[in-house]
Amino acid sequence: MKLVWSEGAEAALAEIEAYVAADDPVAAIRLVDRLIARAETLVDFPALGREAPELRGPGLRELIEGKFATVYWAGERIEIIAVSERHQPLRANLRPPRPRPRRRRRRR
């Protein structure tokens, strides 16, 4: 199974790293590495996180690492949708990604 990060999730990781790095650059790198490593475990264990019905999106799950929550959707691939501190409310309109239309092959 493939792991994909949304632009929003990647931006959130960069913000987390920048915030922590203001006090301790080494700790910032360790934290982001830990969040990424934890998310990578989803490739082998996609149901590892808890189902999160309060996120109002069918199939959304939440993986906790320390005081951070990684919201993802597990289908044909694992898509990381958001990363935030657990005490911060997530957008209520989180939705799993739409299936990509299959391209038709041209006949010759």
N, C-alpha and C. Protein backbone atom coordinates (compact mmCIF):
# COMPACT_ATOMS: atom_id res chain seq x y z
N MET A 1 0.85 -1.17 0.00
CA MET A 1 0.00 0.00 0.00
C MET A 1 0.90 1.24 0.00
N LYS A 2 0.43 2.28 -0.65
CA LYS A 2 1.21 3.50 -0.80
C LYS A 2 0.76 4.55 0.22
N LEU A 3 1.72 5.33 0.73
CA LEU A 3 1.44 6.42 1.66
C LEU A 3 1.61 7.75 0.94
N VAL A 4 0.58 8.60 1.01
CA VAL A 4 0.59 9.89 0.33
C VAL A 4 0.25 10.98 1.35
N TRP A 5 1.00 12.08 1.30
CA TRP A 5 0.75 13.22 2.18
C TRP A 5 0.07 14.32 1.39
N SER A 6 -1.02 14.88 1.91
CA SER A 6 -1.67 16.02 1.26
C SER A 6 -0.79 17.25 1.45
N GLU A 7 -1.03 18.25 0.63
CA GLU A 7 -0.27 19.50 0.76
C GLU A 7 -0.50 20.13 2.13
N GLY A 8 -1.73 20.06 2.62
CA GLY A 8 -2.05 20.62 3.92
C GLY A 8 -1.31 19.92 5.05
N ALA A 9 -1.20 18.59 4.97
CA ALA A 9 -0.48 17.84 6.00
C ALA A 9 1.01 18.15 5.96
N GLU A 10 1.57 18.27 4.76
CA GLU A 10 2.98 18.63 4.64
C GLU A 10 3.23 20.03 5.19
N ALA A 11 2.32 20.95 4.91
CA ALA A 11 2.46 22.32 5.43
C ALA A 11 2.36 22.33 6.95
N ALA A 12 1.48 21.50 7.51
CA ALA A 12 1.33 21.42 8.96
C ALA A 12 2.62 20.91 9.61
N LEU A 13 3.24 19.90 9.00
CA LEU A 13 4.52 19.40 9.53
C LEU A 13 5.58 20.49 9.51
N ALA A 14 5.62 21.26 8.43
CA ALA A 14 6.60 22.36 8.33
C ALA A 14 6.34 23.41 9.41
N GLU A 15 5.07 23.73 9.67
CA GLU A 15 4.73 24.70 10.71
C GLU A 15 5.11 24.19 12.09
N ILE A 16 4.84 22.92 12.35
CA ILE A 16 5.20 22.32 13.64
C ILE A 16 6.71 22.38 13.83
N GLU A 17 7.43 22.01 12.78
CA GLU A 17 8.89 22.03 12.87
C GLU A 17 9.41 23.44 13.12
N ALA A 18 8.88 24.42 12.41
CA ALA A 18 9.34 25.80 12.58
C ALA A 18 9.05 26.31 13.98
N TYR A 19 7.89 25.99 14.51
CA TYR A 19 7.51 26.45 15.84
C TYR A 19 8.43 25.87 16.91
N VAL A 20 8.66 24.57 16.85
CA VAL A 20 9.51 23.91 17.85
C VAL A 20 10.96 24.32 17.67
N ALA A 21 11.38 24.51 16.43
CA ALA A 21 12.77 24.87 16.13
C ALA A 21 13.15 26.23 16.71
N ALA A 22 12.17 27.10 16.93
CA ALA A 22 12.47 28.41 17.53
C ALA A 22 13.13 28.25 18.89
N ASP A 23 12.77 27.18 19.61
CA ASP A 23 13.37 26.90 20.92
C ASP A 23 14.47 25.84 20.87
N ASP A 24 14.26 24.83 20.03
CA ASP A 24 15.21 23.71 20.00
C ASP A 24 15.19 23.04 18.62
N PRO A 25 16.10 23.45 17.73
CA PRO A 25 16.11 22.89 16.36
C PRO A 25 16.27 21.37 16.31
N VAL A 26 17.05 20.81 17.20
CA VAL A 26 17.26 19.36 17.19
C VAL A 26 15.97 18.64 17.59
N ALA A 27 15.29 19.16 18.60
CA ALA A 27 14.03 18.56 19.04
C ALA A 27 12.98 18.65 17.93
N ALA A 28 13.00 19.73 17.17
CA ALA A 28 12.05 19.90 16.07
C ALA A 28 12.23 18.82 15.03
N ILE A 29 13.47 18.55 14.68
CA ILE A 29 13.75 17.51 13.68
C ILE A 29 13.33 16.14 14.21
N ARG A 30 13.65 15.88 15.47
CA ARG A 30 13.27 14.58 16.07
C ARG A 30 11.76 14.41 16.09
N LEU A 31 11.04 15.47 16.44
CA LEU A 31 9.58 15.40 16.51
C LEU A 31 8.97 15.10 15.15
N VAL A 32 9.38 15.84 14.15
CA VAL A 32 8.82 15.63 12.81
C VAL A 32 9.20 14.25 12.29
N ASP A 33 10.43 13.83 12.52
CA ASP A 33 10.84 12.48 12.12
C ASP A 33 9.97 11.42 12.80
N ARG A 34 9.65 11.64 14.08
CA ARG A 34 8.81 10.69 14.82
C ARG A 34 7.39 10.66 14.26
N LEU A 35 6.84 11.83 13.91
CA LEU A 35 5.50 11.87 13.34
C LEU A 35 5.46 11.17 11.98
N ILE A 36 6.49 11.38 11.18
CA ILE A 36 6.56 10.73 9.86
C ILE A 36 6.71 9.21 10.02
N ALA A 37 7.60 8.80 10.92
CA ALA A 37 7.82 7.36 11.13
C ALA A 37 6.53 6.68 11.61
N ARG A 38 5.82 7.35 12.49
CA ARG A 38 4.56 6.78 13.00
C ARG A 38 3.55 6.64 11.86
N ALA A 39 3.46 7.65 11.00
CA ALA A 39 2.55 7.58 9.86
C ALA A 39 2.95 6.46 8.91
N GLU A 40 4.23 6.23 8.75
CA GLU A 40 4.70 5.17 7.84
C GLU A 40 4.30 3.79 8.32
N THR A 41 4.01 3.62 9.61
CA THR A 41 3.55 2.31 10.09
C THR A 41 2.17 1.96 9.53
N LEU A 42 1.45 2.97 9.04
CA LEU A 42 0.13 2.74 8.49
C LEU A 42 0.17 1.92 7.20
N VAL A 43 1.29 1.92 6.52
CA VAL A 43 1.42 1.13 5.30
C VAL A 43 1.19 -0.35 5.60
N ASP A 44 1.73 -0.81 6.72
CA ASP A 44 1.56 -2.21 7.10
C ASP A 44 0.33 -2.45 7.98
N PHE A 45 -0.09 -1.40 8.70
CA PHE A 45 -1.22 -1.53 9.63
C PHE A 45 -2.20 -0.38 9.42
N PRO A 46 -2.96 -0.37 8.31
CA PRO A 46 -3.82 0.77 8.00
C PRO A 46 -4.93 1.03 9.01
N ALA A 47 -5.31 0.04 9.79
CA ALA A 47 -6.38 0.24 10.78
C ALA A 47 -5.82 0.57 12.16
N LEU A 48 -4.56 0.94 12.23
CA LEU A 48 -3.91 1.21 13.51
C LEU A 48 -4.57 2.36 14.25
N GLY A 49 -4.94 3.42 13.56
CA GLY A 49 -5.57 4.57 14.20
C GLY A 49 -7.03 4.29 14.53
N ARG A 50 -7.56 5.10 15.40
CA ARG A 50 -8.96 4.92 15.79
C ARG A 50 -9.89 5.55 14.75
N GLU A 51 -11.06 4.97 14.60
CA GLU A 51 -12.07 5.59 13.74
C GLU A 51 -12.48 6.89 14.39
N ALA A 52 -12.68 7.91 13.59
CA ALA A 52 -12.97 9.24 14.13
C ALA A 52 -14.28 9.77 13.55
N PRO A 53 -15.43 9.28 14.04
CA PRO A 53 -16.72 9.72 13.49
C PRO A 53 -16.97 11.21 13.70
N GLU A 54 -16.36 11.80 14.71
CA GLU A 54 -16.57 13.23 14.95
C GLU A 54 -15.95 14.12 13.88
N LEU A 55 -15.11 13.54 13.03
CA LEU A 55 -14.50 14.30 11.94
C LEU A 55 -15.43 14.43 10.75
N ARG A 56 -16.57 13.78 10.79
CA ARG A 56 -17.62 13.92 9.78
C ARG A 56 -17.17 13.50 8.38
N GLY A 57 -16.34 12.53 8.33
CA GLY A 57 -15.93 12.02 7.03
C GLY A 57 -15.88 10.51 7.09
N PRO A 58 -16.62 9.83 6.23
CA PRO A 58 -16.62 8.37 6.28
C PRO A 58 -15.23 7.82 6.00
N GLY A 59 -14.81 6.92 6.86
CA GLY A 59 -13.52 6.27 6.67
C GLY A 59 -12.33 7.03 7.22
N LEU A 60 -12.55 8.19 7.83
CA LEU A 60 -11.42 8.94 8.39
C LEU A 60 -10.99 8.30 9.70
N ARG A 61 -9.69 8.25 9.89
CA ARG A 61 -9.12 7.68 11.11
C ARG A 61 -8.13 8.66 11.68
N GLU A 62 -7.80 8.47 12.96
CA GLU A 62 -6.89 9.38 13.66
C GLU A 62 -5.82 8.56 14.36
N LEU A 63 -4.58 8.89 14.09
CA LEU A 63 -3.44 8.22 14.71
C LEU A 63 -2.79 9.21 15.67
N ILE A 64 -2.65 8.81 16.93
CA ILE A 64 -2.12 9.69 17.96
C ILE A 64 -0.63 9.39 18.17
N GLU A 65 0.16 10.45 18.24
CA GLU A 65 1.58 10.35 18.59
C GLU A 65 1.88 11.51 19.53
N GLY A 66 2.05 11.19 20.80
CA GLY A 66 2.28 12.25 21.79
C GLY A 66 1.07 13.17 21.84
N LYS A 67 1.31 14.46 21.71
CA LYS A 67 0.19 15.40 21.75
C LYS A 67 -0.31 15.78 20.36
N PHE A 68 0.07 15.00 19.35
CA PHE A 68 -0.31 15.28 17.97
C PHE A 68 -1.24 14.21 17.42
N ALA A 69 -2.12 14.64 16.53
CA ALA A 69 -3.05 13.73 15.86
C ALA A 69 -2.80 13.81 14.36
N THR A 70 -2.68 12.66 13.74
CA THR A 70 -2.56 12.57 12.29
C THR A 70 -3.86 11.99 11.77
N VAL A 71 -4.56 12.75 10.94
CA VAL A 71 -5.84 12.31 10.37
C VAL A 71 -5.55 11.73 8.99
N TYR A 72 -6.08 10.54 8.75
CA TYR A 72 -5.81 9.88 7.47
C TYR A 72 -7.02 9.11 7.00
N TRP A 73 -6.95 8.73 5.75
CA TRP A 73 -7.96 7.92 5.12
C TRP A 73 -7.25 6.70 4.53
N ALA A 74 -7.79 5.52 4.78
CA ALA A 74 -7.20 4.29 4.26
C ALA A 74 -8.15 3.67 3.26
N GLY A 75 -7.70 3.59 2.04
CA GLY A 75 -8.47 2.96 0.98
C GLY A 75 -7.50 2.19 0.11
N GLU A 76 -7.46 2.52 -1.17
CA GLU A 76 -6.49 1.89 -2.06
C GLU A 76 -5.08 2.32 -1.69
N ARG A 77 -5.00 3.46 -1.01
CA ARG A 77 -3.73 3.99 -0.51
C ARG A 77 -4.02 4.66 0.82
N ILE A 78 -2.99 4.98 1.56
CA ILE A 78 -3.13 5.73 2.80
C ILE A 78 -2.86 7.19 2.47
N GLU A 79 -3.83 8.05 2.75
CA GLU A 79 -3.63 9.48 2.51
C GLU A 79 -3.68 10.23 3.83
N ILE A 80 -2.56 10.88 4.16
CA ILE A 80 -2.51 11.72 5.35
C ILE A 80 -3.16 13.04 4.98
N ILE A 81 -4.22 13.39 5.69
CA ILE A 81 -5.01 14.56 5.36
C ILE A 81 -4.64 15.76 6.22
N ALA A 82 -4.33 15.53 7.50
CA ALA A 82 -4.03 16.64 8.41
C ALA A 82 -3.16 16.16 9.55
N VAL A 83 -2.38 17.08 10.11
CA VAL A 83 -1.60 16.84 11.31
C VAL A 83 -1.77 18.07 12.18
N SER A 84 -2.14 17.86 13.45
CA SER A 84 -2.31 19.00 14.35
C SER A 84 -2.15 18.55 15.80
N GLU A 85 -2.01 19.55 16.67
CA GLU A 85 -2.02 19.23 18.10
C GLU A 85 -3.42 18.76 18.45
N ARG A 86 -3.50 17.79 19.35
CA ARG A 86 -4.78 17.18 19.66
C ARG A 86 -5.78 18.15 20.26
N HIS A 87 -5.32 19.16 20.97
CA HIS A 87 -6.25 20.09 21.61
C HIS A 87 -6.82 21.13 20.63
N GLN A 88 -6.24 21.22 19.43
CA GLN A 88 -6.73 22.16 18.45
C GLN A 88 -7.83 21.50 17.61
N PRO A 89 -8.95 22.20 17.43
CA PRO A 89 -10.01 21.59 16.63
C PRO A 89 -9.61 21.51 15.16
N LEU A 90 -9.96 20.42 14.55
CA LEU A 90 -9.73 20.26 13.11
C LEU A 90 -10.92 20.85 12.37
N ARG A 91 -10.68 21.17 11.12
CA ARG A 91 -11.80 21.65 10.30
C ARG A 91 -12.89 20.59 10.28
N ALA A 92 -14.11 21.03 10.41
CA ALA A 92 -15.23 20.09 10.44
C ALA A 92 -15.52 19.49 9.07
N ASN A 93 -14.98 20.08 8.01
CA ASN A 93 -15.31 19.61 6.67
C ASN A 93 -14.24 18.69 6.08
N LEU A 94 -13.46 18.04 6.91
CA LEU A 94 -12.50 17.08 6.39
C LEU A 94 -13.24 15.96 5.67
N ARG A 95 -12.79 15.63 4.52
CA ARG A 95 -13.40 14.56 3.74
C ARG A 95 -12.31 13.66 3.18
N PRO A 96 -12.61 12.39 3.02
CA PRO A 96 -11.64 11.53 2.37
C PRO A 96 -11.47 11.96 0.92
N PRO A 97 -10.34 11.63 0.33
CA PRO A 97 -10.12 12.03 -1.06
C PRO A 97 -11.12 11.35 -1.99
N ARG A 98 -11.42 12.03 -3.07
CA ARG A 98 -12.31 11.45 -4.08
C ARG A 98 -11.54 10.45 -4.91
N PRO A 99 -12.20 9.39 -5.32
CA PRO A 99 -11.51 8.44 -6.19
C PRO A 99 -11.13 9.13 -7.50
N ARG A 100 -9.96 8.82 -7.96
CA ARG A 100 -9.50 9.40 -9.22
C ARG A 100 -10.13 8.66 -10.38
N PRO A 101 -10.62 9.39 -11.38
CA PRO A 101 -11.21 8.70 -12.53
C PRO A 101 -10.14 7.91 -13.28
N ARG A 102 -10.54 6.76 -13.73
CA ARG A 102 -9.59 5.95 -14.51
C ARG A 102 -9.53 6.48 -15.92
N ARG A 103 -8.35 6.52 -16.44
CA ARG A 103 -8.17 6.99 -17.80
C ARG A 103 -8.50 5.87 -18.77
N ARG A 104 -9.16 6.23 -19.81
CA ARG A 104 -9.50 5.24 -20.83
C ARG A 104 -8.33 5.07 -21.77
N ARG A 105 -8.13 3.85 -22.15
CA ARG A 105 -7.06 3.58 -23.12
C ARG A 105 -7.61 3.77 -24.51
N ARG A 106 -6.86 4.42 -25.31
CA ARG A 106 -7.27 4.63 -26.70
C ARG A 106 -7.03 3.37 -27.51
N ARG A 107 -7.99 3.07 -28.35
CA ARG A 107 -7.81 1.93 -29.24
C ARG A 107 -7.20 2.44 -30.53
N ARG A 108 -6.35 1.66 -31.05
CA ARG A 108 -5.71 2.05 -32.33
C ARG A 108 -6.19 1.18 -33.44
